[in-house]
């Protein structure tokens, strides 16, 4: 769609980043790979156009290539505390018993043993949005969920990511046009 397309005519498909243009990782990948992928994404590695926003998450793909969740910095760091990945007895969290004292010890062992599947939380239904949904509806959902992104789908398959930063940029451009338009009708 052209930049002059009215916002009421825009859909998720017009603003989303295709799945192929976003940082992804497989469920069976190691914590080391997750650190590597997210570190690269945060630095903007793989971006053809350096002016485009960086990815602040890694999308987790199942064997069919569908997005099953996302990992952000908190999720990956949590992998350094393997006891946080399973139920821990309340007594083990008492000071001095050591369950939470040394998350950075044994790094080499942890980053190879912990898998992405141990870290990822399944997506909630509202985090999925069809590509044909109007951008107006998608922005409302982003606001209501306070989400940084929604997973765009077509026929139930993951095809892209609608990032709040991209929706914001499109709306900001429209606001700018409104404020410079001498005839606000």
C-alpha atoms as a PDB file:
ATOM      1  CA  UNK A   1       0.000   0.000   0.000  1.00  0.00           C
ATOM      2  CA  UNK A   2       1.150   3.540  -0.638  1.00  0.00           C
ATOM      3  CA  UNK A   3       2.031   5.914   2.200  1.00  0.00           C
ATOM      4  CA  UNK A   4      -1.085   7.901   1.286  1.00  0.00           C
ATOM      5  CA  UNK A   5      -3.430   5.017   2.104  1.00  0.00           C
ATOM      6  CA  UNK A   6      -5.909   6.100   4.809  1.00  0.00           C
ATOM      7  CA  UNK A   7      -5.257   4.413   8.138  1.00  0.00           C
ATOM      8  CA  UNK A   8      -8.775   2.975   8.088  1.00  0.00           C
ATOM      9  CA  UNK A   9      -7.781   0.959   5.016  1.00  0.00           C
ATOM     10  CA  UNK A  10      -4.556  -0.444   6.488  1.00  0.00           C
ATOM     11  CA  UNK A  11      -4.397  -4.023   7.747  1.00  0.00           C
ATOM     12  CA  UNK A  12      -1.936  -5.983   9.850  1.00  0.00           C
ATOM     13  CA  UNK A  13      -0.411  -7.293   6.593  1.00  0.00           C
ATOM     14  CA  UNK A  14       0.486  -3.727   5.542  1.00  0.00           C
ATOM     15  CA  UNK A  15       2.554  -3.011   8.655  1.00  0.00           C
ATOM     16  CA  UNK A  16       3.868  -6.384   9.886  1.00  0.00           C
ATOM     17  CA  UNK A  17       7.405  -7.676   9.539  1.00  0.00           C
ATOM     18  CA  UNK A  18       7.418 -10.994   7.634  1.00  0.00           C
ATOM     19  CA  UNK A  19       8.510 -13.949   9.751  1.00  0.00           C
ATOM     20  CA  UNK A  20      11.564 -14.326   7.514  1.00  0.00           C
ATOM     21  CA  UNK A  21      12.642 -10.812   8.538  1.00  0.00           C
ATOM     22  CA  UNK A  22      12.515 -11.429  12.285  1.00  0.00           C
ATOM     23  CA  UNK A  23      14.948 -13.228  14.606  1.00  0.00           C
ATOM     24  CA  UNK A  24      13.823 -16.818  15.257  1.00  0.00           C
ATOM     25  CA  UNK A  25      15.042 -19.912  17.080  1.00  0.00           C
ATOM     26  CA  UNK A  26      13.969 -23.557  17.245  1.00  0.00           C
ATOM     27  CA  UNK A  27      12.431 -25.161  20.339  1.00  0.00           C
ATOM     28  CA  UNK A  28      15.325 -27.599  20.714  1.00  0.00           C
ATOM     29  CA  UNK A  29      18.022 -24.913  20.605  1.00  0.00           C
ATOM     30  CA  UNK A  30      20.302 -24.453  23.603  1.00  0.00           C
ATOM     31  CA  UNK A  31      20.400 -21.526  26.000  1.00  0.00           C
ATOM     32  CA  UNK A  32      23.767 -20.624  24.441  1.00  0.00           C
ATOM     33  CA  UNK A  33      22.077 -20.301  21.037  1.00  0.00           C
ATOM     34  CA  UNK A  34      19.305 -18.181  22.585  1.00  0.00           C
ATOM     35  CA  UNK A  35      21.902 -15.807  24.090  1.00  0.00           C
ATOM     36  CA  UNK A  36      23.640 -15.600  20.710  1.00  0.00           C
ATOM     37  CA  UNK A  37      20.430 -14.954  18.741  1.00  0.00           C
ATOM     38  CA  UNK A  38      19.058 -12.288  21.084  1.00  0.00           C
ATOM     39  CA  UNK A  39      22.461 -10.596  21.458  1.00  0.00           C
ATOM     40  CA  UNK A  40      22.687 -10.339  17.681  1.00  0.00           C
ATOM     41  CA  UNK A  41      19.141  -9.052  17.362  1.00  0.00           C
ATOM     42  CA  UNK A  42      19.725  -6.365  19.987  1.00  0.00           C
ATOM     43  CA  UNK A  43      22.819  -5.210  18.067  1.00  0.00           C
ATOM     44  CA  UNK A  44      20.848  -5.065  14.825  1.00  0.00           C
ATOM     45  CA  UNK A  45      22.753  -7.911  13.168  1.00  0.00           C
ATOM     46  CA  UNK A  46      21.129  -9.165   9.983  1.00  0.00           C
ATOM     47  CA  UNK A  47      19.332  -5.889   9.287  1.00  0.00           C
ATOM     48  CA  UNK A  48      19.582  -4.866   5.648  1.00  0.00           C
ATOM     49  CA  UNK A  49      18.391  -1.366   6.497  1.00  0.00           C
ATOM     50  CA  UNK A  50      20.065  -0.115   9.696  1.00  0.00           C
ATOM     51  CA  UNK A  51      17.314   2.474  10.176  1.00  0.00           C
ATOM     52  CA  UNK A  52      14.703  -0.238  10.808  1.00  0.00           C
ATOM     53  CA  UNK A  53      13.936  -1.043  14.442  1.00  0.00           C
ATOM     54  CA  UNK A  54      15.828  -3.904  16.050  1.00  0.00           C
ATOM     55  CA  UNK A  55      14.168  -7.040  17.342  1.00  0.00           C
ATOM     56  CA  UNK A  56      13.799  -7.089  21.119  1.00  0.00           C
ATOM     57  CA  UNK A  57      12.721 -10.712  21.268  1.00  0.00           C
ATOM     58  CA  UNK A  58      13.472 -14.026  19.611  1.00  0.00           C
ATOM     59  CA  UNK A  59      10.490 -15.870  18.181  1.00  0.00           C
ATOM     60  CA  UNK A  60      10.420 -19.565  19.039  1.00  0.00           C
ATOM     61  CA  UNK A  61       9.392 -21.855  16.176  1.00  0.00           C
ATOM     62  CA  UNK A  62       8.080 -25.399  16.337  1.00  0.00           C
ATOM     63  CA  UNK A  63       9.092 -28.068  13.815  1.00  0.00           C
ATOM     64  CA  UNK A  64       6.397 -26.845  11.393  1.00  0.00           C
ATOM     65  CA  UNK A  65       7.785 -23.291  11.441  1.00  0.00           C
ATOM     66  CA  UNK A  66       4.939 -21.808  13.479  1.00  0.00           C
ATOM     67  CA  UNK A  67       5.586 -19.372  16.300  1.00  0.00           C
ATOM     68  CA  UNK A  68       4.854 -21.004  19.659  1.00  0.00           C
ATOM     69  CA  UNK A  69       6.235 -18.226  21.851  1.00  0.00           C
ATOM     70  CA  UNK A  70       8.894 -15.591  22.246  1.00  0.00           C
ATOM     71  CA  UNK A  71      11.931 -15.099  24.426  1.00  0.00           C
ATOM     72  CA  UNK A  72      12.973 -11.726  25.784  1.00  0.00           C
ATOM     73  CA  UNK A  73      15.993 -10.825  27.883  1.00  0.00           C
ATOM     74  CA  UNK A  74      14.267 -11.837  31.150  1.00  0.00           C
ATOM     75  CA  UNK A  75      13.375 -15.278  29.816  1.00  0.00           C
ATOM     76  CA  UNK A  76      16.890 -16.035  28.647  1.00  0.00           C
ATOM     77  CA  UNK A  77      18.514 -14.806  31.859  1.00  0.00           C
ATOM     78  CA  UNK A  78      16.044 -16.953  33.800  1.00  0.00           C
ATOM     79  CA  UNK A  79      17.634 -19.953  32.094  1.00  0.00           C
ATOM     80  CA  UNK A  80      20.756 -19.346  34.182  1.00  0.00           C
ATOM     81  CA  UNK A  81      18.737 -20.291  37.267  1.00  0.00           C
ATOM     82  CA  UNK A  82      17.583 -23.789  36.309  1.00  0.00           C
ATOM     83  CA  UNK A  83      15.847 -24.160  39.662  1.00  0.00           C
ATOM     84  CA  UNK A  84      13.478 -21.417  38.485  1.00  0.00           C
ATOM     85  CA  UNK A  85      12.452 -23.677  35.578  1.00  0.00           C
ATOM     86  CA  UNK A  86      10.809 -26.187  37.855  1.00  0.00           C
ATOM     87  CA  UNK A  87       8.936 -26.077  41.142  1.00  0.00           C
ATOM     88  CA  UNK A  88      11.247 -25.345  44.021  1.00  0.00           C
ATOM     89  CA  UNK A  89      10.454 -26.204  47.611  1.00  0.00           C
ATOM     90  CA  UNK A  90       9.800 -23.009  49.606  1.00  0.00           C
ATOM     91  CA  UNK A  91      12.419 -24.085  52.174  1.00  0.00           C
ATOM     92  CA  UNK A  92      15.115 -24.105  49.495  1.00  0.00           C
ATOM     93  CA  UNK A  93      14.545 -20.395  48.916  1.00  0.00           C
ATOM     94  CA  UNK A  94      15.424 -19.516  52.521  1.00  0.00           C
ATOM     95  CA  UNK A  95      18.632 -17.477  52.733  1.00  0.00           C
ATOM     96  CA  UNK A  96      21.650 -19.646  53.145  1.00  0.00           C
ATOM     97  CA  UNK A  97      20.296 -22.751  51.436  1.00  0.00           C
ATOM     98  CA  UNK A  98      21.660 -21.634  48.079  1.00  0.00           C
ATOM     99  CA  UNK A  99      18.834 -22.161  45.577  1.00  0.00           C
ATOM    100  CA  UNK A 100      19.078 -18.595  44.246  1.00  0.00           C
ATOM    101  CA  UNK A 101      22.598 -17.535  45.239  1.00  0.00           C
ATOM    102  CA  UNK A 102      24.799 -18.187  42.199  1.00  0.00           C
ATOM    103  CA  UNK A 103      22.955 -17.938  38.880  1.00  0.00           C
ATOM    104  CA  UNK A 104      26.201 -17.148  37.035  1.00  0.00           C
ATOM    105  CA  UNK A 105      28.125 -20.161  38.278  1.00  0.00           C
ATOM    106  CA  UNK A 106      28.723 -23.117  35.948  1.00  0.00           C
ATOM    107  CA  UNK A 107      27.789 -21.041  32.895  1.00  0.00           C
ATOM    108  CA  UNK A 108      29.280 -23.422  30.343  1.00  0.00           C
ATOM    109  CA  UNK A 109      27.256 -26.322  31.710  1.00  0.00           C
ATOM    110  CA  UNK A 110      24.008 -24.348  32.026  1.00  0.00           C
ATOM    111  CA  UNK A 111      24.039 -22.808  28.561  1.00  0.00           C
ATOM    112  CA  UNK A 112      24.414 -26.216  26.943  1.00  0.00           C
ATOM    113  CA  UNK A 113      21.957 -28.154  29.137  1.00  0.00           C
ATOM    114  CA  UNK A 114      19.038 -25.718  29.232  1.00  0.00           C
ATOM    115  CA  UNK A 115      16.877 -25.786  26.103  1.00  0.00           C
ATOM    116  CA  UNK A 116      14.643 -23.096  24.628  1.00  0.00           C
ATOM    117  CA  UNK A 117      11.633 -25.379  25.219  1.00  0.00           C
ATOM    118  CA  UNK A 118      12.367 -25.088  28.969  1.00  0.00           C
ATOM    119  CA  UNK A 119      12.153 -21.295  28.837  1.00  0.00           C
ATOM    120  CA  UNK A 120       9.354 -20.397  26.432  1.00  0.00           C
ATOM    121  CA  UNK A 121       5.825 -19.652  27.591  1.00  0.00           C
ATOM    122  CA  UNK A 122       3.057 -20.554  25.126  1.00  0.00           C
ATOM    123  CA  UNK A 123       1.415 -17.645  23.350  1.00  0.00           C
ATOM    124  CA  UNK A 124      -1.977 -16.541  24.611  1.00  0.00           C
ATOM    125  CA  UNK A 125      -4.739 -16.559  22.001  1.00  0.00           C
ATOM    126  CA  UNK A 126      -4.933 -12.765  21.986  1.00  0.00           C
ATOM    127  CA  UNK A 127      -1.264 -12.568  20.985  1.00  0.00           C
ATOM    128  CA  UNK A 128      -2.214 -13.970  17.574  1.00  0.00           C
ATOM    129  CA  UNK A 129      -3.836 -11.703  15.005  1.00  0.00           C
ATOM    130  CA  UNK A 130      -4.946 -12.404  11.444  1.00  0.00           C
ATOM    131  CA  UNK A 131      -3.227 -10.419   8.689  1.00  0.00           C
ATOM    132  CA  UNK A 132      -6.586  -9.196   7.365  1.00  0.00           C
ATOM    133  CA  UNK A 133      -7.522  -7.455  10.624  1.00  0.00           C
ATOM    134  CA  UNK A 134      -7.647  -3.656  10.263  1.00  0.00           C
ATOM    135  CA  UNK A 135      -4.715  -1.795  11.787  1.00  0.00           C
ATOM    136  CA  UNK A 136      -7.171   0.171  13.946  1.00  0.00           C
ATOM    137  CA  UNK A 137      -8.225  -3.048  15.670  1.00  0.00           C
ATOM    138  CA  UNK A 138      -4.640  -4.267  15.973  1.00  0.00           C
ATOM    139  CA  UNK A 139      -3.465  -1.021  17.593  1.00  0.00           C
ATOM    140  CA  UNK A 140      -6.313  -1.259  20.088  1.00  0.00           C
ATOM    141  CA  UNK A 141      -5.221  -4.805  20.965  1.00  0.00           C
ATOM    142  CA  UNK A 142      -1.571  -3.761  21.324  1.00  0.00           C
ATOM    143  CA  UNK A 143      -2.641  -0.994  23.703  1.00  0.00           C
ATOM    144  CA  UNK A 144      -5.038  -3.169  25.706  1.00  0.00           C
ATOM    145  CA  UNK A 145      -2.469  -5.942  26.131  1.00  0.00           C
ATOM    146  CA  UNK A 146       0.455  -3.506  26.525  1.00  0.00           C
ATOM    147  CA  UNK A 147       2.149  -5.830  24.056  1.00  0.00           C
ATOM    148  CA  UNK A 148       5.349  -5.088  22.199  1.00  0.00           C
ATOM    149  CA  UNK A 149       4.210  -7.342  19.372  1.00  0.00           C
ATOM    150  CA  UNK A 150       1.503  -9.650  18.073  1.00  0.00           C
ATOM    151  CA  UNK A 151       2.069 -12.710  15.903  1.00  0.00           C
ATOM    152  CA  UNK A 152       0.433 -12.241  12.511  1.00  0.00           C
ATOM    153  CA  UNK A 153      -1.288 -15.303  11.073  1.00  0.00           C
ATOM    154  CA  UNK A 154      -2.867 -16.342   7.787  1.00  0.00           C
ATOM    155  CA  UNK A 155      -5.077 -19.429   7.720  1.00  0.00           C
ATOM    156  CA  UNK A 156      -3.849 -20.327  11.209  1.00  0.00           C
ATOM    157  CA  UNK A 157      -0.142 -20.267  10.251  1.00  0.00           C
ATOM    158  CA  UNK A 158       2.408 -17.757  11.551  1.00  0.00           C
ATOM    159  CA  UNK A 159       3.510 -15.364   8.801  1.00  0.00           C
ATOM    160  CA  UNK A 160       4.844 -12.286  10.561  1.00  0.00           C
ATOM    161  CA  UNK A 161       5.087  -9.991  13.538  1.00  0.00           C
ATOM    162  CA  UNK A 162       3.156  -6.797  14.137  1.00  0.00           C
ATOM    163  CA  UNK A 163       5.473  -4.745  16.336  1.00  0.00           C
ATOM    164  CA  UNK A 164       4.116  -1.839  18.343  1.00  0.00           C
ATOM    165  CA  UNK A 165       7.058   0.254  17.136  1.00  0.00           C
ATOM    166  CA  UNK A 166       6.001  -0.245  13.487  1.00  0.00           C
ATOM    167  CA  UNK A 167       2.349   0.544  14.250  1.00  0.00           C
ATOM    168  CA  UNK A 168       3.504   3.626  16.160  1.00  0.00           C
ATOM    169  CA  UNK A 169       5.677   4.779  13.247  1.00  0.00           C
ATOM    170  CA  UNK A 170       2.763   4.476  10.818  1.00  0.00           C
ATOM    171  CA  UNK A 171       0.414   6.389  13.141  1.00  0.00           C
ATOM    172  CA  UNK A 172       3.106   9.007  13.927  1.00  0.00           C
ATOM    173  CA  UNK A 173       3.515   9.680  10.201  1.00  0.00           C
ATOM    174  CA  UNK A 174      -0.223  10.226   9.919  1.00  0.00           C
ATOM    175  CA  UNK A 175      -0.217  12.554  12.932  1.00  0.00           C
ATOM    176  CA  UNK A 176       2.623  14.510  11.348  1.00  0.00           C
ATOM    177  CA  UNK A 177       0.648  14.803   8.117  1.00  0.00           C
ATOM    178  CA  UNK A 178      -2.370  16.095  10.068  1.00  0.00           C
ATOM    179  CA  UNK A 179      -0.371  18.770  11.858  1.00  0.00           C
ATOM    180  CA  UNK A 180       1.180  20.081   8.614  1.00  0.00           C
ATOM    181  CA  UNK A 181      -2.027  19.914   6.571  1.00  0.00           C
ATOM    182  CA  UNK A 182      -3.346  23.477   6.120  1.00  0.00           C
ATOM    183  CA  UNK A 183      -6.840  22.085   5.417  1.00  0.00           C
ATOM    184  CA  UNK A 184      -7.643  19.731   8.359  1.00  0.00           C
ATOM    185  CA  UNK A 185     -11.003  18.603   6.883  1.00  0.00           C
END
